[in-house]
Amino acid sequence: MRPRLLGCLVGAVIAAGLCLAALAVMIVLRPGGQETPRPRPSPSATEIVAERRLDERRMELTIRSRALDATTKVRLLLPRGWESRTGWPVLWLLHGGLDDETSWTAKTDVEALTRDTGVLVVMPDGGKCGSYSDWWNGGAGGPPRWETYHLKELRPLLEARYRAGGRQAIAGYSMGGQGAMLYAAKGHFEAAASFSGALHILGPGVPQAVMAGTALGCFGTDWKRIWGDPEEQREVWRAHNPYDLADELKGVRLYVAAGEGDLVEDLANRAARAFAGRLDELGIPVRTHFYRGGHNHTSWQRELHRAFPLLMSAIGAKPVR
């Protein structure tokens, strides 16, 4: 199997983590490209390194994150009239394994889909094999802490500096599908949608896929750094398994989709069906769509369109003129 396909296994089987804590001082890049320096904080502080307006709607932020101990990027799609008020409803879109913050705008029609909708779209980098998790790292913790970065650093920043409101929804494909459900289980989102996400990472064959996908898709990375061994650190795995966290999704509007047609998608399909069955046992409503189709952006664009009315309704997003 090619490394790219195996890398996608990461997307179908691993994820989880958001959290956000305050950010400071910034260097603003104005639309014309002129850079305005600001007083710099101490090297240990989280900061905005740059802000760049790519066009009328697309904005790119470069952030130095304390939780990651690295620089990372976020792409925003601004609603029409963004500067006229604060408190915009927010849609987070999480990418899959080996992709980045540009993937949604580069590979789907999300810009056209959201053009006339009053929603701020947030597309953060989640690492090529980041799993939307604070990594276990042999029990020592420490970076990368993707969950902490997203929920405790990035989210407060967006609300304080980029006109984001408190009503927020989240969706993702592959690795990002699992991340969407994990973040929603933390209580931060009104609605969540998973497209081809591994929603039961302790299901048959999934831990082996995590090992193969991380080792080959992100060559040189020890897959046990993420959650440890699935037997010896089973509680760590359970803490990042949407199936085991299903009870925490009460009151969240949910959409789950997966196809059948290739090795990775079949694995995601089995995990999604198990997750949906668990929700049913708990009496938690979920809208599902199981279909014939592969692990690809054509399917994920279609599923975003199908889930979009549910996501927008949950956060009160309305068309803007």
C-alpha atoms as a PDB file:
ATOM      1  CA  MET A   1       0.000   0.000   0.000  1.00  0.00           C
ATOM      2  CA  ARG A   2       1.332   3.452  -0.852  1.00  0.00           C
ATOM      3  CA  PRO A   3       2.424   5.716   2.026  1.00  0.00           C
ATOM      4  CA  ARG A   4      -0.269   8.245   1.099  1.00  0.00           C
ATOM      5  CA  LEU A   5      -3.034   5.636   1.511  1.00  0.00           C
ATOM      6  CA  LEU A   6      -1.532   4.342   4.706  1.00  0.00           C
ATOM      7  CA  GLY A   7      -1.203   7.897   5.889  1.00  0.00           C
ATOM      8  CA  CYS A   8      -4.916   8.309   5.412  1.00  0.00           C
ATOM      9  CA  LEU A   9      -5.355   5.464   7.901  1.00  0.00           C
ATOM     10  CA  VAL A  10      -4.218   7.971  10.464  1.00  0.00           C
ATOM     11  CA  GLY A  11      -7.082  10.140   9.396  1.00  0.00           C
ATOM     12  CA  ALA A  12      -9.541   7.297   9.663  1.00  0.00           C
ATOM     13  CA  VAL A  13      -8.373   6.073  12.978  1.00  0.00           C
ATOM     14  CA  ILE A  14      -6.838   8.719  15.138  1.00  0.00           C
ATOM     15  CA  ALA A  15      -7.781  12.095  16.448  1.00  0.00           C
ATOM     16  CA  ALA A  16      -9.066  14.125  19.309  1.00  0.00           C
ATOM     17  CA  GLY A  17      -8.215  17.281  21.041  1.00  0.00           C
ATOM     18  CA  LEU A  18      -9.092  20.936  21.295  1.00  0.00           C
ATOM     19  CA  CYS A  19      -8.619  23.399  24.130  1.00  0.00           C
ATOM     20  CA  LEU A  20      -7.622  27.029  24.263  1.00  0.00           C
ATOM     21  CA  ALA A  21      -5.757  29.437  26.640  1.00  0.00           C
ATOM     22  CA  ALA A  22      -4.954  33.077  25.927  1.00  0.00           C
ATOM     23  CA  LEU A  23      -2.716  34.548  23.279  1.00  0.00           C
ATOM     24  CA  ALA A  24      -0.837  37.830  23.357  1.00  0.00           C
ATOM     25  CA  VAL A  25       0.812  40.507  21.238  1.00  0.00           C
ATOM     26  CA  MET A  26       0.822  40.354  17.461  1.00  0.00           C
ATOM     27  CA  ILE A  27       2.531  41.544  14.305  1.00  0.00           C
ATOM     28  CA  VAL A  28      -0.223  42.525  11.884  1.00  0.00           C
ATOM     29  CA  LEU A  29       0.205  42.019   8.143  1.00  0.00           C
ATOM     30  CA  ARG A  30      -2.221  44.405   6.466  1.00  0.00           C
ATOM     31  CA  PRO A  31      -4.060  43.463   3.228  1.00  0.00           C
ATOM     32  CA  GLY A  32      -1.511  45.356   1.180  1.00  0.00           C
ATOM     33  CA  GLY A  33       1.277  43.270   2.659  1.00  0.00           C
ATOM     34  CA  GLN A  34       2.742  46.034   4.865  1.00  0.00           C
ATOM     35  CA  GLU A  35       4.011  44.615   8.137  1.00  0.00           C
ATOM     36  CA  THR A  36       3.437  46.544  11.341  1.00  0.00           C
ATOM     37  CA  PRO A  37       5.722  45.419  14.203  1.00  0.00           C
ATOM     38  CA  ARG A  38       4.435  45.212  17.765  1.00  0.00           C
ATOM     39  CA  PRO A  39       6.337  44.845  21.040  1.00  0.00           C
ATOM     40  CA  ARG A  40       7.294  41.195  21.342  1.00  0.00           C
ATOM     41  CA  PRO A  41       6.481  39.160  24.441  1.00  0.00           C
ATOM     42  CA  SER A  42       8.873  36.784  26.087  1.00  0.00           C
ATOM     43  CA  PRO A  43       9.853  33.789  23.909  1.00  0.00           C
ATOM     44  CA  SER A  44       7.792  31.440  26.103  1.00  0.00           C
ATOM     45  CA  ALA A  45       4.477  33.279  25.521  1.00  0.00           C
ATOM     46  CA  THR A  46       1.913  32.259  22.902  1.00  0.00           C
ATOM     47  CA  GLU A  47       1.673  34.951  20.221  1.00  0.00           C
ATOM     48  CA  ILE A  48       0.349  35.862  16.813  1.00  0.00           C
ATOM     49  CA  VAL A  49       3.363  36.038  14.547  1.00  0.00           C
ATOM     50  CA  ALA A  50       1.513  37.327  11.493  1.00  0.00           C
ATOM     51  CA  GLU A  51      -1.912  38.083  10.073  1.00  0.00           C
ATOM     52  CA  ARG A  52      -2.322  38.069   6.303  1.00  0.00           C
ATOM     53  CA  ARG A  53      -5.444  38.878   4.277  1.00  0.00           C
ATOM     54  CA  LEU A  54      -5.275  36.635   1.199  1.00  0.00           C
ATOM     55  CA  ASP A  55      -8.403  38.025  -0.455  1.00  0.00           C
ATOM     56  CA  GLU A  56     -11.816  39.405   0.476  1.00  0.00           C
ATOM     57  CA  ARG A  57     -12.704  36.410   2.631  1.00  0.00           C
ATOM     58  CA  ARG A  58      -9.587  34.342   3.269  1.00  0.00           C
ATOM     59  CA  MET A  59      -7.331  35.313   6.171  1.00  0.00           C
ATOM     60  CA  GLU A  60      -4.257  33.419   7.345  1.00  0.00           C
ATOM     61  CA  LEU A  61      -2.937  33.584  10.900  1.00  0.00           C
ATOM     62  CA  THR A  62       0.510  32.388  11.941  1.00  0.00           C
ATOM     63  CA  ILE A  63       0.634  31.570  15.640  1.00  0.00           C
ATOM     64  CA  ARG A  64       3.436  30.642  17.980  1.00  0.00           C
ATOM     65  CA  SER A  65       1.811  28.147  20.349  1.00  0.00           C
ATOM     66  CA  ARG A  66       3.048  27.359  23.825  1.00  0.00           C
ATOM     67  CA  ALA A  67       1.079  24.091  23.811  1.00  0.00           C
ATOM     68  CA  LEU A  68       2.799  22.939  20.613  1.00  0.00           C
ATOM     69  CA  ASP A  69       6.149  24.624  21.287  1.00  0.00           C
ATOM     70  CA  ALA A  70       6.056  25.467  17.593  1.00  0.00           C
ATOM     71  CA  THR A  71       4.613  27.837  15.013  1.00  0.00           C
ATOM     72  CA  THR A  72       1.397  26.815  13.281  1.00  0.00           C
ATOM     73  CA  LYS A  73      -1.218  28.314  10.954  1.00  0.00           C
ATOM     74  CA  VAL A  74      -4.967  28.873  10.841  1.00  0.00           C
ATOM     75  CA  ARG A  75      -7.060  29.736   7.802  1.00  0.00           C
ATOM     76  CA  LEU A  76     -10.259  31.754   8.234  1.00  0.00           C
ATOM     77  CA  LEU A  77     -13.165  32.394   5.879  1.00  0.00           C
ATOM     78  CA  LEU A  78     -14.717  35.683   6.934  1.00  0.00           C
ATOM     79  CA  PRO A  79     -18.455  36.306   6.605  1.00  0.00           C
ATOM     80  CA  ARG A  80     -19.696  39.239   4.570  1.00  0.00           C
ATOM     81  CA  GLY A  81     -19.676  42.329   6.787  1.00  0.00           C
ATOM     82  CA  TRP A  82     -17.271  40.666   9.222  1.00  0.00           C
ATOM     83  CA  GLU A  83     -15.903  43.993  10.485  1.00  0.00           C
ATOM     84  CA  SER A  84     -19.369  45.404  11.167  1.00  0.00           C
ATOM     85  CA  ARG A  85     -20.041  43.473  14.363  1.00  0.00           C
ATOM     86  CA  THR A  86     -18.846  40.809  16.794  1.00  0.00           C
ATOM     87  CA  GLY A  87     -20.374  37.542  17.951  1.00  0.00           C
ATOM     88  CA  TRP A  88     -20.453  35.719  14.596  1.00  0.00           C
ATOM     89  CA  PRO A  89     -21.527  32.054  14.662  1.00  0.00           C
ATOM     90  CA  VAL A  90     -18.507  29.824  14.037  1.00  0.00           C
ATOM     91  CA  LEU A  91     -17.959  26.640  12.019  1.00  0.00           C
ATOM     92  CA  TRP A  92     -14.733  24.738  12.671  1.00  0.00           C
ATOM     93  CA  LEU A  93     -13.569  22.448   9.858  1.00  0.00           C
ATOM     94  CA  LEU A  94     -10.864  19.913  10.781  1.00  0.00           C
ATOM     95  CA  HIS A  95      -8.646  18.260   8.181  1.00  0.00           C
ATOM     96  CA  GLY A  96      -7.501  14.644   7.890  1.00  0.00           C
ATOM     97  CA  GLY A  97      -4.141  12.918   8.131  1.00  0.00           C
ATOM     98  CA  LEU A  98      -1.278  14.333   6.025  1.00  0.00           C
ATOM     99  CA  ASP A  99      -3.372  17.400   5.146  1.00  0.00           C
ATOM    100  CA  ASP A 100      -3.260  20.905   6.643  1.00  0.00           C
ATOM    101  CA  GLU A 101      -5.231  24.104   7.218  1.00  0.00           C
ATOM    102  CA  THR A 102      -5.464  24.823   3.476  1.00  0.00           C
ATOM    103  CA  SER A 103      -7.065  21.511   2.500  1.00  0.00           C
ATOM    104  CA  TRP A 104     -10.729  22.441   2.910  1.00  0.00           C
ATOM    105  CA  THR A 105     -10.458  25.531   0.687  1.00  0.00           C
ATOM    106  CA  ALA A 106      -8.089  23.840  -1.790  1.00  0.00           C
ATOM    107  CA  LYS A 107     -10.040  20.608  -2.267  1.00  0.00           C
ATOM    108  CA  THR A 108     -13.709  21.471  -1.675  1.00  0.00           C
ATOM    109  CA  ASP A 109     -16.186  24.227  -2.536  1.00  0.00           C
ATOM    110  CA  VAL A 110     -16.510  25.414   1.067  1.00  0.00           C
ATOM    111  CA  GLU A 111     -15.905  29.029   0.021  1.00  0.00           C
ATOM    112  CA  ALA A 112     -18.920  28.984  -2.303  1.00  0.00           C
ATOM    113  CA  LEU A 113     -21.035  27.014   0.166  1.00  0.00           C
ATOM    114  CA  THR A 114     -20.540  29.549   2.965  1.00  0.00           C
ATOM    115  CA  ARG A 115     -20.400  32.753   0.880  1.00  0.00           C
ATOM    116  CA  ASP A 116     -23.870  34.046   1.724  1.00  0.00           C
ATOM    117  CA  THR A 117     -24.105  32.502   5.176  1.00  0.00           C
ATOM    118  CA  GLY A 118     -23.299  34.605   8.232  1.00  0.00           C
ATOM    119  CA  VAL A 119     -20.721  32.213   9.656  1.00  0.00           C
ATOM    120  CA  LEU A 120     -17.026  32.553  10.464  1.00  0.00           C
ATOM    121  CA  VAL A 121     -15.253  29.430   9.180  1.00  0.00           C
ATOM    122  CA  VAL A 122     -12.158  28.336  11.134  1.00  0.00           C
ATOM    123  CA  MET A 123      -9.737  25.820   9.601  1.00  0.00           C
ATOM    124  CA  PRO A 124      -6.796  25.171  11.954  1.00  0.00           C
ATOM    125  CA  ASP A 125      -3.740  23.067  11.296  1.00  0.00           C
ATOM    126  CA  GLY A 126      -3.984  19.832  13.286  1.00  0.00           C
ATOM    127  CA  GLY A 127      -0.653  18.229  12.403  1.00  0.00           C
ATOM    128  CA  LYS A 128      -0.139  15.569   9.750  1.00  0.00           C
ATOM    129  CA  CYS A 129      -0.513  12.850  12.392  1.00  0.00           C
ATOM    130  CA  GLY A 130      -1.627  15.033  15.285  1.00  0.00           C
ATOM    131  CA  SER A 131      -4.831  13.136  16.106  1.00  0.00           C
ATOM    132  CA  TYR A 132      -6.344  16.254  17.716  1.00  0.00           C
ATOM    133  CA  SER A 133      -4.865  15.040  20.994  1.00  0.00           C
ATOM    134  CA  ASP A 134      -2.455  16.041  23.700  1.00  0.00           C
ATOM    135  CA  TRP A 135       0.159  13.339  23.099  1.00  0.00           C
ATOM    136  CA  TRP A 136       0.906  10.788  25.811  1.00  0.00           C
ATOM    137  CA  ASN A 137       4.670  10.800  25.115  1.00  0.00           C
ATOM    138  CA  GLY A 138       5.478   7.802  27.281  1.00  0.00           C
ATOM    139  CA  GLY A 139       3.489   9.260  30.165  1.00  0.00           C
ATOM    140  CA  ALA A 140       5.518  12.481  30.242  1.00  0.00           C
ATOM    141  CA  GLY A 141       3.004  14.585  28.318  1.00  0.00           C
ATOM    142  CA  GLY A 142       4.280  17.802  26.788  1.00  0.00           C
ATOM    143  CA  PRO A 143       4.141  18.921  23.154  1.00  0.00           C
ATOM    144  CA  PRO A 144       2.525  18.451  20.821  1.00  0.00           C
ATOM    145  CA  ARG A 145      -0.670  19.262  22.736  1.00  0.00           C
ATOM    146  CA  TRP A 146      -3.131  19.795  19.915  1.00  0.00           C
ATOM    147  CA  GLU A 147      -6.238  19.702  22.094  1.00  0.00           C
ATOM    148  CA  THR A 148      -4.860  22.323  24.440  1.00  0.00           C
ATOM    149  CA  TYR A 149      -3.778  24.520  21.561  1.00  0.00           C
ATOM    150  CA  HIS A 150      -7.143  24.405  19.789  1.00  0.00           C
ATOM    151  CA  LEU A 151      -9.439  24.766  22.779  1.00  0.00           C
ATOM    152  CA  LYS A 152      -7.437  26.803  25.284  1.00  0.00           C
ATOM    153  CA  GLU A 153      -5.315  28.974  23.019  1.00  0.00           C
ATOM    154  CA  LEU A 154      -7.018  29.332  19.654  1.00  0.00           C
ATOM    155  CA  ARG A 155     -10.689  29.483  20.603  1.00  0.00           C
ATOM    156  CA  PRO A 156     -10.291  32.322  23.158  1.00  0.00           C
ATOM    157  CA  LEU A 157      -8.129  34.198  20.639  1.00  0.00           C
ATOM    158  CA  LEU A 158     -10.839  33.989  17.992  1.00  0.00           C
ATOM    159  CA  GLU A 159     -13.455  35.235  20.426  1.00  0.00           C
ATOM    160  CA  ALA A 160     -11.271  38.063  21.738  1.00  0.00           C
ATOM    161  CA  ARG A 161      -9.650  39.276  18.508  1.00  0.00           C
ATOM    162  CA  TYR A 162     -11.503  37.891  15.482  1.00  0.00           C
ATOM    163  CA  ARG A 163     -15.176  38.565  16.268  1.00  0.00           C
ATOM    164  CA  ALA A 164     -16.150  34.935  16.968  1.00  0.00           C
ATOM    165  CA  GLY A 165     -19.248  34.313  19.050  1.00  0.00           C
ATOM    166  CA  GLY A 166     -19.949  31.568  21.542  1.00  0.00           C
ATOM    167  CA  ARG A 167     -22.277  29.508  19.328  1.00  0.00           C
ATOM    168  CA  GLN A 168     -20.018  27.121  17.439  1.00  0.00           C
ATOM    169  CA  ALA A 169     -20.268  23.916  15.397  1.00  0.00           C
ATOM    170  CA  ILE A 170     -17.536  21.544  14.253  1.00  0.00           C
ATOM    171  CA  ALA A 171     -17.040  19.074  11.408  1.00  0.00           C
ATOM    172  CA  GLY A 172     -14.135  17.121   9.990  1.00  0.00           C
ATOM    173  CA  TYR A 173     -13.088  14.380   7.609  1.00  0.00           C
ATOM    174  CA  SER A 174     -11.012  11.302   8.336  1.00  0.00           C
ATOM    175  CA  MET A 175      -8.698  12.159  11.269  1.00  0.00           C
ATOM    176  CA  GLY A 176     -10.704  15.362  11.628  1.00  0.00           C
ATOM    177  CA  GLY A 177     -13.969  13.425  11.882  1.00  0.00           C
ATOM    178  CA  GLN A 178     -12.788  11.742  15.028  1.00  0.00           C
ATOM    179  CA  GLY A 179     -11.445  15.075  16.262  1.00  0.00           C
ATOM    180  CA  ALA A 180     -14.820  16.724  15.730  1.00  0.00           C
ATOM    181  CA  MET A 181     -16.595  14.206  17.948  1.00  0.00           C
ATOM    182  CA  LEU A 182     -13.872  14.305  20.589  1.00  0.00           C
ATOM    183  CA  TYR A 183     -14.030  18.082  20.813  1.00  0.00           C
ATOM    184  CA  ALA A 184     -17.823  18.054  20.905  1.00  0.00           C
ATOM    185  CA  ALA A 185     -17.672  15.582  23.802  1.00  0.00           C
ATOM    186  CA  LYS A 186     -15.752  18.256  25.733  1.00  0.00           C
ATOM    187  CA  GLY A 187     -18.896  20.415  25.689  1.00  0.00           C
ATOM    188  CA  HIS A 188     -17.623  23.218  23.466  1.00  0.00           C
ATOM    189  CA  PHE A 189     -19.916  22.841  20.428  1.00  0.00           C
ATOM    190  CA  GLU A 190     -23.615  22.943  19.596  1.00  0.00           C
ATOM    191  CA  ALA A 191     -23.300  20.474  16.710  1.00  0.00           C
ATOM    192  CA  ALA A 192     -20.716  18.057  15.316  1.00  0.00           C
ATOM    193  CA  ALA A 193     -20.323  16.135  12.052  1.00  0.00           C
ATOM    194  CA  SER A 194     -17.929  13.330  11.188  1.00  0.00           C
ATOM    195  CA  PHE A 195     -17.168  12.339   7.604  1.00  0.00           C
ATOM    196  CA  SER A 196     -15.261   9.024   7.393  1.00  0.00           C
ATOM    197  CA  GLY A 197     -13.853   9.417  10.894  1.00  0.00           C
ATOM    198  CA  ALA A 198     -12.674   6.500  13.051  1.00  0.00           C
ATOM    199  CA  LEU A 199     -15.254   6.799  15.767  1.00  0.00           C
ATOM    200  CA  HIS A 200     -14.323   3.541  17.521  1.00  0.00           C
ATOM    201  CA  ILE A 201     -10.528   3.365  17.695  1.00  0.00           C
ATOM    202  CA  LEU A 202     -10.579   0.185  19.779  1.00  0.00           C
ATOM    203  CA  GLY A 203     -12.638  -1.673  17.190  1.00  0.00           C
ATOM    204  CA  PRO A 204     -11.199  -4.726  15.385  1.00  0.00           C
ATOM    205  CA  GLY A 205      -8.174  -3.830  13.267  1.00  0.00           C
ATOM    206  CA  VAL A 206      -8.110  -0.150  14.167  1.00  0.00           C
ATOM    207  CA  PRO A 207      -5.125  -0.093  16.566  1.00  0.00           C
ATOM    208  CA  GLN A 208      -3.082  -1.901  13.901  1.00  0.00           C
ATOM    209  CA  ALA A 209      -4.125   0.716  11.378  1.00  0.00           C
ATOM    210  CA  VAL A 210      -3.020   3.469  13.776  1.00  0.00           C
ATOM    211  CA  MET A 211       0.393   1.835  14.039  1.00  0.00           C
ATOM    212  CA  ALA A 212       0.797   1.397  10.285  1.00  0.00           C
ATOM    213  CA  GLY A 213      -0.580   4.796   9.351  1.00  0.00           C
ATOM    214  CA  THR A 214       1.565   6.738  11.812  1.00  0.00           C
ATOM    215  CA  ALA A 215       4.757   4.781  11.163  1.00  0.00           C
ATOM    216  CA  LEU A 216       4.531   4.995   7.373  1.00  0.00           C
ATOM    217  CA  GLY A 217       2.435   8.122   6.805  1.00  0.00           C
ATOM    218  CA  CYS A 218       4.562  10.174   9.234  1.00  0.00           C
ATOM    219  CA  PHE A 219       7.805   8.291   8.788  1.00  0.00           C
ATOM    220  CA  GLY A 220      10.033   8.217  11.855  1.00  0.00           C
ATOM    221  CA  THR A 221       7.234   8.958  14.352  1.00  0.00           C
ATOM    222  CA  ASP A 222       6.756   6.384  17.110  1.00  0.00           C
ATOM    223  CA  TRP A 223       3.005   5.689  17.018  1.00  0.00           C
ATOM    224  CA  LYS A 224       2.976   4.946  20.761  1.00  0.00           C
ATOM    225  CA  ARG A 225       3.761   8.604  21.475  1.00  0.00           C
ATOM    226  CA  ILE A 226       0.154   9.505  20.705  1.00  0.00           C
ATOM    227  CA  TRP A 227      -1.865   7.312  23.105  1.00  0.00           C
ATOM    228  CA  GLY A 228       0.590   4.610  24.163  1.00  0.00           C
ATOM    229  CA  ASP A 229      -0.016   0.888  23.706  1.00  0.00           C
ATOM    230  CA  PRO A 230      -3.710  -0.012  23.186  1.00  0.00           C
ATOM    231  CA  GLU A 231      -3.528  -2.712  25.866  1.00  0.00           C
ATOM    232  CA  GLU A 232      -1.097  -1.276  28.410  1.00  0.00           C
ATOM    233  CA  GLN A 233      -2.529   2.271  28.135  1.00  0.00           C
ATOM    234  CA  ARG A 234      -6.095   1.247  27.405  1.00  0.00           C
ATOM    235  CA  GLU A 235      -7.570   4.020  29.530  1.00  0.00           C
ATOM    236  CA  VAL A 236      -5.671   6.601  27.491  1.00  0.00           C
ATOM    237  CA  TRP A 237      -7.137   5.121  24.314  1.00  0.00           C
ATOM    238  CA  ARG A 238     -10.616   5.067  25.829  1.00  0.00           C
ATOM    239  CA  ALA A 239     -10.254   8.728  26.761  1.00  0.00           C
ATOM    240  CA  HIS A 240      -9.752   9.500  23.043  1.00  0.00           C
ATOM    241  CA  ASN A 241     -12.376   7.108  21.685  1.00  0.00           C
ATOM    242  CA  PRO A 242     -15.673   8.710  20.591  1.00  0.00           C
ATOM    243  CA  TYR A 243     -17.421   5.367  21.157  1.00  0.00           C
ATOM    244  CA  ASP A 244     -16.468   5.461  24.838  1.00  0.00           C
ATOM    245  CA  LEU A 245     -17.319   9.162  25.131  1.00  0.00           C
ATOM    246  CA  ALA A 246     -20.711   8.915  23.457  1.00  0.00           C
ATOM    247  CA  ASP A 247     -22.602   9.676  26.659  1.00  0.00           C
ATOM    248  CA  GLU A 248     -20.937  13.121  26.736  1.00  0.00           C
ATOM    249  CA  LEU A 249     -22.653  14.057  23.470  1.00  0.00           C
ATOM    250  CA  LYS A 250     -26.145  14.448  24.904  1.00  0.00           C
ATOM    251  CA  GLY A 251     -27.664  17.681  23.672  1.00  0.00           C
ATOM    252  CA  VAL A 252     -25.248  18.001  20.721  1.00  0.00           C
ATOM    253  CA  ARG A 253     -26.770  17.806  17.248  1.00  0.00           C
ATOM    254  CA  LEU A 254     -24.890  15.027  15.451  1.00  0.00           C
ATOM    255  CA  TYR A 255     -24.237  13.919  11.876  1.00  0.00           C
ATOM    256  CA  VAL A 256     -22.216  10.789  11.012  1.00  0.00           C
ATOM    257  CA  ALA A 257     -21.356   9.616   7.498  1.00  0.00           C
ATOM    258  CA  ALA A 258     -19.070   6.992   5.971  1.00  0.00           C
ATOM    259  CA  GLY A 259     -18.835   5.078   2.722  1.00  0.00           C
ATOM    260  CA  GLU A 260     -17.808   1.693   1.413  1.00  0.00           C
ATOM    261  CA  GLY A 261     -15.450   1.218  -1.467  1.00  0.00           C
ATOM    262  CA  ASP A 262     -11.833   1.008  -0.325  1.00  0.00           C
ATOM    263  CA  LEU A 263      -9.824  -0.383   2.579  1.00  0.00           C
ATOM    264  CA  VAL A 264      -9.668   2.826   4.595  1.00  0.00           C
ATOM    265  CA  GLU A 265     -13.292   3.796   4.038  1.00  0.00           C
ATOM    266  CA  ASP A 266     -14.543   0.317   4.919  1.00  0.00           C
ATOM    267  CA  LEU A 267     -12.695   0.584   8.225  1.00  0.00           C
ATOM    268  CA  ALA A 268     -14.226   4.016   8.873  1.00  0.00           C
ATOM    269  CA  ASN A 269     -17.659   2.654   7.964  1.00  0.00           C
ATOM    270  CA  ARG A 270     -17.505  -0.129  10.544  1.00  0.00           C
ATOM    271  CA  ALA A 271     -16.332   2.317  13.205  1.00  0.00           C
ATOM    272  CA  ALA A 272     -19.066   4.819  12.330  1.00  0.00           C
ATOM    273  CA  ARG A 273     -21.793   2.170  12.476  1.00  0.00           C
ATOM    274  CA  ALA A 274     -20.569   0.991  15.869  1.00  0.00           C
ATOM    275  CA  PHE A 275     -20.564   4.577  17.136  1.00  0.00           C
ATOM    276  CA  ALA A 276     -24.064   5.245  15.800  1.00  0.00           C
ATOM    277  CA  GLY A 277     -25.250   2.037  17.456  1.00  0.00           C
ATOM    278  CA  ARG A 278     -23.807   3.177  20.766  1.00  0.00           C
ATOM    279  CA  LEU A 279     -25.591   6.527  20.474  1.00  0.00           C
ATOM    280  CA  ASP A 280     -28.828   4.675  19.794  1.00  0.00           C
ATOM    281  CA  GLU A 281     -28.332   2.572  22.936  1.00  0.00           C
ATOM    282  CA  LEU A 282     -27.953   5.788  24.920  1.00  0.00           C
ATOM    283  CA  GLY A 283     -31.006   7.385  23.345  1.00  0.00           C
ATOM    284  CA  ILE A 284     -28.940  10.148  21.703  1.00  0.00           C
ATOM    285  CA  PRO A 285     -30.294  11.253  18.295  1.00  0.00           C
ATOM    286  CA  VAL A 286     -27.906  11.161  15.324  1.00  0.00           C
ATOM    287  CA  ARG A 287     -28.425  11.660  11.625  1.00  0.00           C
ATOM    288  CA  THR A 288     -26.475   9.086   9.608  1.00  0.00           C
ATOM    289  CA  HIS A 289     -25.622   8.538   5.957  1.00  0.00           C
ATOM    290  CA  PHE A 290     -23.910   5.349   4.808  1.00  0.00           C
ATOM    291  CA  TYR A 291     -23.178   5.166   1.102  1.00  0.00           C
ATOM    292  CA  ARG A 292     -21.058   3.658  -1.668  1.00  0.00           C
ATOM    293  CA  GLY A 293     -17.940   5.765  -2.076  1.00  0.00           C
ATOM    294  CA  GLY A 294     -14.271   6.028  -1.210  1.00  0.00           C
ATOM    295  CA  HIS A 295     -12.061   7.874   1.250  1.00  0.00           C
ATOM    296  CA  ASN A 296     -11.745  11.126  -0.690  1.00  0.00           C
ATOM    297  CA  HIS A 297     -12.648  14.806  -0.872  1.00  0.00           C
ATOM    298  CA  THR A 298     -15.423  14.230  -3.399  1.00  0.00           C
ATOM    299  CA  SER A 299     -17.319  12.297  -0.732  1.00  0.00           C
ATOM    300  CA  TRP A 300     -16.451  14.767   2.040  1.00  0.00           C
ATOM    301  CA  GLN A 301     -17.606  17.791   0.034  1.00  0.00           C
ATOM    302  CA  ARG A 302     -20.938  16.081  -0.607  1.00  0.00           C
ATOM    303  CA  GLU A 303     -21.341  15.175   3.058  1.00  0.00           C
ATOM    304  CA  LEU A 304     -20.544  18.734   4.161  1.00  0.00           C
ATOM    305  CA  HIS A 305     -23.392  19.907   1.930  1.00  0.00           C
ATOM    306  CA  ARG A 306     -25.727  17.313   3.483  1.00  0.00           C
ATOM    307  CA  ALA A 307     -24.733  18.242   7.044  1.00  0.00           C
ATOM    308  CA  PHE A 308     -24.600  21.996   6.465  1.00  0.00           C
ATOM    309  CA  PRO A 309     -28.262  22.858   7.248  1.00  0.00           C
ATOM    310  CA  LEU A 310     -28.050  20.952  10.553  1.00  0.00           C
ATOM    311  CA  LEU A 311     -24.802  22.677  11.514  1.00  0.00           C
ATOM    312  CA  MET A 312     -26.050  26.152  10.616  1.00  0.00           C
ATOM    313  CA  SER A 313     -29.387  25.677  12.374  1.00  0.00           C
ATOM    314  CA  ALA A 314     -27.641  24.607  15.585  1.00  0.00           C
ATOM    315  CA  ILE A 315     -25.634  27.844  15.805  1.00  0.00           C
ATOM    316  CA  GLY A 316     -28.258  30.223  14.467  1.00  0.00           C
ATOM    317  CA  ALA A 317     -26.326  31.213  11.328  1.00  0.00           C
ATOM    318  CA  LYS A 318     -28.423  33.212   8.855  1.00  0.00           C
ATOM    319  CA  PRO A 319     -27.835  34.416   5.301  1.00  0.00           C
ATOM    320  CA  VAL A 320     -26.236  37.848   5.022  1.00  0.00           C
ATOM    321  CA  ARG A 321     -26.823  40.342   2.237  1.00  0.00           C
END
